[in-house]
Amino acid sequence: MIRHIVMWKLKEHAEGADRQANMQKVRQLLEDCRDCVPGMLEFEIGLASEGCEATYDVVLNSLFESREALEAYQVHPRHVASKPLMSAVRTERQCMDYELPAR
């Protein structure tokens, strides 16, 4: 199994919207990717809470049954379609993939 975690820090203003509005747009883009490929076992999206210290605004924590399932997600049309907006609204992106033993 492969854990796939991605975090984004968003610009204060981008694409005609403020950071809070873009956080919601990013959440919807990610939600549209949920269950888009076989082998996606978990798909959790988190937004930084107001009043809580956070260094990033959006996090995706997902689990795939295999590297092949993750690779299928990476090239899936819904995932690819999210990239232009994500690139336009973010200042930073961090990603980490790591293998877990089978459950």
Protein backbone atom coordinates (compact mmCIF):
# COMPACT_ATOMS: atom_id res chain seq x y z
CA MET A 1 0.00 0.00 0.00
CA ILE A 2 1.11 3.55 -0.73
CA ARG A 3 0.26 6.54 1.46
CA HIS A 4 0.10 9.73 -0.68
CA ILE A 5 0.09 13.02 1.23
CA VAL A 6 0.09 16.44 -0.45
CA MET A 7 -0.08 19.86 1.22
CA TRP A 8 -0.64 23.25 -0.38
CA LYS A 9 -0.09 26.78 0.87
CA LEU A 10 -2.34 29.17 -1.06
CA LYS A 11 -1.85 32.75 -2.20
CA GLU A 12 -3.78 35.45 -0.34
CA HIS A 13 -5.48 36.36 -3.66
CA ALA A 14 -5.48 34.44 -6.95
CA GLU A 15 -7.81 33.80 -9.85
CA GLY A 16 -10.14 36.60 -8.68
CA ALA A 17 -10.71 35.09 -5.24
CA ASP A 18 -9.25 35.29 -1.75
CA ARG A 19 -7.47 32.44 0.01
CA GLN A 20 -10.59 31.22 1.86
CA ALA A 21 -12.63 31.03 -1.34
CA ASN A 22 -9.81 29.24 -3.14
CA MET A 23 -9.53 26.74 -0.29
CA GLN A 24 -13.14 25.79 -1.01
CA LYS A 25 -12.46 25.57 -4.77
CA VAL A 26 -9.46 23.33 -4.12
CA ARG A 27 -11.55 21.12 -1.83
CA GLN A 28 -14.15 20.70 -4.58
CA LEU A 29 -11.51 19.90 -7.20
CA LEU A 30 -10.09 17.24 -4.91
CA GLU A 31 -13.55 15.87 -4.06
CA ASP A 32 -14.11 15.42 -7.79
CA CYS A 33 -11.11 13.05 -7.80
CA ARG A 34 -12.50 10.82 -5.04
CA ASP A 35 -12.98 7.20 -6.17
CA CYS A 36 -11.78 7.97 -9.69
CA VAL A 37 -9.58 4.87 -9.88
CA PRO A 38 -9.80 1.32 -8.57
CA GLY A 39 -7.46 0.75 -5.65
CA MET A 40 -8.05 4.12 -3.97
CA LEU A 41 -8.68 3.02 -0.40
CA GLU A 42 -8.77 6.33 1.51
CA PHE A 43 -9.13 9.94 0.37
CA GLU A 44 -9.27 12.60 3.07
CA ILE A 45 -9.17 16.35 2.44
CA GLY A 46 -8.43 18.78 5.25
CA LEU A 47 -8.61 22.56 5.34
CA ALA A 48 -6.76 24.62 7.93
CA SER A 49 -9.11 25.79 10.67
CA GLU A 50 -9.32 29.48 11.45
CA GLY A 51 -7.66 30.25 14.75
CA CYS A 52 -5.44 27.16 14.62
CA GLU A 53 -1.80 27.52 13.76
CA ALA A 54 -1.15 25.89 10.39
CA THR A 55 1.68 26.23 7.92
CA TYR A 56 -0.36 24.89 5.01
CA ASP A 57 -3.93 25.58 3.96
CA VAL A 58 -5.02 22.30 2.36
CA VAL A 59 -3.93 18.71 2.86
CA LEU A 60 -4.78 15.56 0.94
CA ASN A 61 -4.14 12.30 2.79
CA SER A 62 -4.86 9.29 0.61
CA LEU A 63 -4.09 5.59 0.53
CA PHE A 64 -3.73 3.39 -2.54
CA GLU A 65 -3.55 -0.38 -2.62
CA SER A 66 -0.52 -0.31 -4.94
CA ARG A 67 1.93 1.94 -6.72
CA GLU A 68 0.02 1.14 -9.93
CA ALA A 69 -3.20 2.49 -8.42
CA LEU A 70 -1.41 5.71 -7.41
CA GLU A 71 0.08 6.02 -10.89
CA ALA A 72 -3.39 5.55 -12.42
CA TYR A 73 -4.68 8.36 -10.17
CA GLN A 74 -1.82 10.66 -11.21
CA VAL A 75 -2.78 10.43 -14.90
CA HIS A 76 -6.57 10.20 -14.47
CA PRO A 77 -8.33 12.99 -16.45
CA ARG A 78 -10.07 14.39 -13.34
CA HIS A 79 -6.75 14.67 -11.51
CA VAL A 80 -4.97 16.17 -14.51
CA ALA A 81 -7.82 18.70 -14.94
CA SER A 82 -7.27 19.99 -11.39
CA LYS A 83 -3.64 20.95 -11.97
CA PRO A 84 -4.04 24.33 -13.73
CA LEU A 85 -6.10 25.87 -10.91
CA MET A 86 -3.93 24.27 -8.24
CA SER A 87 -0.82 25.77 -9.84
CA ALA A 88 -2.46 29.19 -10.15
CA VAL A 89 -3.60 29.47 -6.53
CA ARG A 90 -0.70 27.94 -4.61
CA THR A 91 2.56 29.38 -3.37
CA GLU A 92 3.94 26.07 -2.11
CA ARG A 93 3.33 22.36 -2.51
CA GLN A 94 4.79 19.48 -0.56
CA CYS A 95 4.25 15.81 -1.36
CA MET A 96 5.29 12.58 0.27
CA ASP A 97 4.58 9.03 -0.81
CA TYR A 98 5.61 6.06 1.29
CA GLU A 99 4.94 2.36 1.37
CA LEU A 100 2.96 0.66 4.12
CA PRO A 101 2.74 -3.04 4.82
CA ALA A 102 -0.43 -4.72 3.60
CA ARG A 103 -3.25 -4.75 6.17
